Amino acid sequence: MVLDCKHVWREISNYIDGDIDPSVRASMEEHLAHCRHCAAILDSTHNILYLIADERTFSLPIGFGERLRREAAVQLRSDPIQGFTHRDPRHRVRKCGVELANRGIRCG
């Protein structure tokens, strides 16, 4: 099965959780091996999860929180989270993280 980027993005959360069909996982790994953009999104999503789980605090640039909320609100209005069967809020965080990474929202 050949996957396009949007399919990979839609399944990243399940991929990370290991909650994905083995054939889809193999197709994703094949895609990730050749698509630097999707590999970067996967890496960014891992980084977001790492930061969320980190109990340390750090300062963000002035206005970052507002920019993040504004971009998340725009994204959620324009493309409601689809394809998530889980009620776990971490899936929403991951989806939002992927979308923000796609839009180039970064700290600093």
C-alpha atoms as a PDB file:
ATOM      1  CA  MET A   1       0.000   0.000   0.000  1.00  0.00           C
ATOM      2  CA  VAL A   2       1.389   3.406  -0.967  1.00  0.00           C
ATOM      3  CA  LEU A   3       0.520   6.249   1.401  1.00  0.00           C
ATOM      4  CA  ASP A   4       0.502   9.949   0.658  1.00  0.00           C
ATOM      5  CA  CYS A   5       1.601  12.608   3.131  1.00  0.00           C
ATOM      6  CA  LYS A   6      -1.898  13.458   4.356  1.00  0.00           C
ATOM      7  CA  HIS A   7      -2.578   9.821   5.206  1.00  0.00           C
ATOM      8  CA  VAL A   8       0.705   9.659   7.128  1.00  0.00           C
ATOM      9  CA  TRP A   9      -0.154  12.850   9.042  1.00  0.00           C
ATOM     10  CA  ARG A  10      -3.587  11.485   9.909  1.00  0.00           C
ATOM     11  CA  GLU A  11      -2.060   8.299  11.333  1.00  0.00           C
ATOM     12  CA  ILE A  12       0.957   9.752  13.185  1.00  0.00           C
ATOM     13  CA  SER A  13      -0.736   9.607  16.586  1.00  0.00           C
ATOM     14  CA  ASN A  14      -1.709   5.967  16.111  1.00  0.00           C
ATOM     15  CA  TYR A  15       1.775   5.227  14.754  1.00  0.00           C
ATOM     16  CA  ILE A  16       3.412   6.679  17.865  1.00  0.00           C
ATOM     17  CA  ASP A  17       1.037   4.780  20.157  1.00  0.00           C
ATOM     18  CA  GLY A  18       1.640   1.516  18.280  1.00  0.00           C
ATOM     19  CA  ASP A  19      -2.097   1.333  17.673  1.00  0.00           C
ATOM     20  CA  ILE A  20      -1.957   0.745  13.937  1.00  0.00           C
ATOM     21  CA  ASP A  21      -2.321  -2.193  11.596  1.00  0.00           C
ATOM     22  CA  PRO A  22       1.083  -3.791  10.834  1.00  0.00           C
ATOM     23  CA  SER A  23       0.633  -3.303   7.086  1.00  0.00           C
ATOM     24  CA  VAL A  24      -0.137   0.403   7.559  1.00  0.00           C
ATOM     25  CA  ARG A  25       2.872   0.714   9.903  1.00  0.00           C
ATOM     26  CA  ALA A  26       5.118  -0.843   7.249  1.00  0.00           C
ATOM     27  CA  SER A  27       3.741   1.521   4.599  1.00  0.00           C
ATOM     28  CA  MET A  28       4.259   4.496   6.897  1.00  0.00           C
ATOM     29  CA  GLU A  29       7.833   3.461   7.633  1.00  0.00           C
ATOM     30  CA  GLU A  30       8.506   3.149   3.912  1.00  0.00           C
ATOM     31  CA  HIS A  31       7.038   6.614   3.335  1.00  0.00           C
ATOM     32  CA  LEU A  32       8.951   8.114   6.272  1.00  0.00           C
ATOM     33  CA  ALA A  33      12.210   6.668   4.962  1.00  0.00           C
ATOM     34  CA  HIS A  34      11.817   8.669   1.744  1.00  0.00           C
ATOM     35  CA  CYS A  35       9.841  11.766   2.776  1.00  0.00           C
ATOM     36  CA  ARG A  36      11.915  14.241   4.766  1.00  0.00           C
ATOM     37  CA  HIS A  37       8.879  16.449   5.393  1.00  0.00           C
ATOM     38  CA  CYS A  38       6.844  13.683   7.036  1.00  0.00           C
ATOM     39  CA  ALA A  39       9.890  12.453   8.962  1.00  0.00           C
ATOM     40  CA  ALA A  40      10.337  15.993  10.305  1.00  0.00           C
ATOM     41  CA  ILE A  41       6.681  16.140  11.336  1.00  0.00           C
ATOM     42  CA  LEU A  42       7.031  12.818  13.140  1.00  0.00           C
ATOM     43  CA  ASP A  43      10.153  14.108  14.882  1.00  0.00           C
ATOM     44  CA  SER A  44       8.375  17.352  15.821  1.00  0.00           C
ATOM     45  CA  THR A  45       5.442  15.419  17.218  1.00  0.00           C
ATOM     46  CA  HIS A  46       7.815  13.309  19.331  1.00  0.00           C
ATOM     47  CA  ASN A  47       9.431  16.537  20.571  1.00  0.00           C
ATOM     48  CA  ILE A  48       6.066  18.018  21.495  1.00  0.00           C
ATOM     49  CA  LEU A  49       5.180  14.892  23.469  1.00  0.00           C
ATOM     50  CA  TYR A  50       8.546  15.023  25.208  1.00  0.00           C
ATOM     51  CA  LEU A  51       8.020  18.678  26.154  1.00  0.00           C
ATOM     52  CA  ILE A  52       4.495  18.034  27.394  1.00  0.00           C
ATOM     53  CA  ALA A  53       5.712  15.186  29.587  1.00  0.00           C
ATOM     54  CA  ASP A  54       8.652  17.214  30.932  1.00  0.00           C
ATOM     55  CA  GLU A  55       7.866  18.610  34.366  1.00  0.00           C
ATOM     56  CA  ARG A  56      10.438  21.385  34.092  1.00  0.00           C
ATOM     57  CA  THR A  57       9.267  24.837  33.121  1.00  0.00           C
ATOM     58  CA  PHE A  58      10.852  27.286  30.748  1.00  0.00           C
ATOM     59  CA  SER A  59      10.079  30.761  29.519  1.00  0.00           C
ATOM     60  CA  LEU A  60       8.437  31.282  26.167  1.00  0.00           C
ATOM     61  CA  PRO A  61       8.753  34.401  24.051  1.00  0.00           C
ATOM     62  CA  ILE A  62       6.292  37.195  24.771  1.00  0.00           C
ATOM     63  CA  GLY A  63       3.082  36.597  22.853  1.00  0.00           C
ATOM     64  CA  PHE A  64       3.789  32.934  22.110  1.00  0.00           C
ATOM     65  CA  GLY A  65       0.777  31.668  24.071  1.00  0.00           C
ATOM     66  CA  GLU A  66      -1.569  34.016  22.243  1.00  0.00           C
ATOM     67  CA  ARG A  67      -0.116  33.079  18.830  1.00  0.00           C
ATOM     68  CA  LEU A  68      -0.459  29.397  19.715  1.00  0.00           C
ATOM     69  CA  ARG A  69      -4.089  29.781  20.819  1.00  0.00           C
ATOM     70  CA  ARG A  70      -4.933  31.849  17.731  1.00  0.00           C
ATOM     71  CA  GLU A  71      -3.364  29.345  15.321  1.00  0.00           C
ATOM     72  CA  ALA A  72      -4.951  26.383  17.125  1.00  0.00           C
ATOM     73  CA  ALA A  73      -8.373  28.064  16.993  1.00  0.00           C
ATOM     74  CA  VAL A  74      -7.992  28.806  13.275  1.00  0.00           C
ATOM     75  CA  GLN A  75      -6.933  25.225  12.585  1.00  0.00           C
ATOM     76  CA  LEU A  76      -9.702  23.671  14.646  1.00  0.00           C
ATOM     77  CA  ARG A  77     -12.331  25.867  12.944  1.00  0.00           C
ATOM     78  CA  SER A  78     -11.057  25.234   9.433  1.00  0.00           C
ATOM     79  CA  ASP A  79     -10.333  21.517   9.781  1.00  0.00           C
ATOM     80  CA  PRO A  80     -12.110  19.868  12.706  1.00  0.00           C
ATOM     81  CA  ILE A  81     -10.133  16.943  13.999  1.00  0.00           C
ATOM     82  CA  GLN A  82     -11.147  14.011  11.866  1.00  0.00           C
ATOM     83  CA  GLY A  83     -10.218  10.401  11.959  1.00  0.00           C
ATOM     84  CA  PHE A  84      -9.634  10.172  15.698  1.00  0.00           C
ATOM     85  CA  THR A  85     -11.610   7.408  17.313  1.00  0.00           C
ATOM     86  CA  HIS A  86      -9.931   7.873  20.667  1.00  0.00           C
ATOM     87  CA  ARG A  87     -11.275  10.256  23.276  1.00  0.00           C
ATOM     88  CA  ASP A  88      -7.806  10.684  24.752  1.00  0.00           C
ATOM     89  CA  PRO A  89      -6.984  14.438  24.704  1.00  0.00           C
ATOM     90  CA  ARG A  90      -3.371  13.627  23.814  1.00  0.00           C
ATOM     91  CA  HIS A  91      -4.591  12.828  20.293  1.00  0.00           C
ATOM     92  CA  ARG A  92      -5.935  16.371  19.977  1.00  0.00           C
ATOM     93  CA  VAL A  93      -2.628  17.753  21.278  1.00  0.00           C
ATOM     94  CA  ARG A  94      -0.700  15.679  18.742  1.00  0.00           C
ATOM     95  CA  LYS A  95      -2.983  16.719  15.889  1.00  0.00           C
ATOM     96  CA  CYS A  96      -2.647  20.349  16.896  1.00  0.00           C
ATOM     97  CA  GLY A  97       1.139  19.936  17.172  1.00  0.00           C
ATOM     98  CA  VAL A  98       1.321  18.446  13.706  1.00  0.00           C
ATOM     99  CA  GLU A  99      -0.764  21.264  12.269  1.00  0.00           C
ATOM    100  CA  LEU A 100       1.298  23.926  14.031  1.00  0.00           C
ATOM    101  CA  ALA A 101       4.507  22.318  12.791  1.00  0.00           C
ATOM    102  CA  ASN A 102       3.044  22.349   9.273  1.00  0.00           C
ATOM    103  CA  ARG A 103       2.341  26.065   9.647  1.00  0.00           C
ATOM    104  CA  GLY A 104       5.874  26.779  10.871  1.00  0.00           C
ATOM    105  CA  ILE A 105       4.905  27.859  14.399  1.00  0.00           C
ATOM    106  CA  ARG A 106       8.030  27.582  16.535  1.00  0.00           C
ATOM    107  CA  CYS A 107       9.289  28.811  19.890  1.00  0.00           C
ATOM    108  CA  GLY A 108      11.588  31.779  19.485  1.00  0.00           C
END
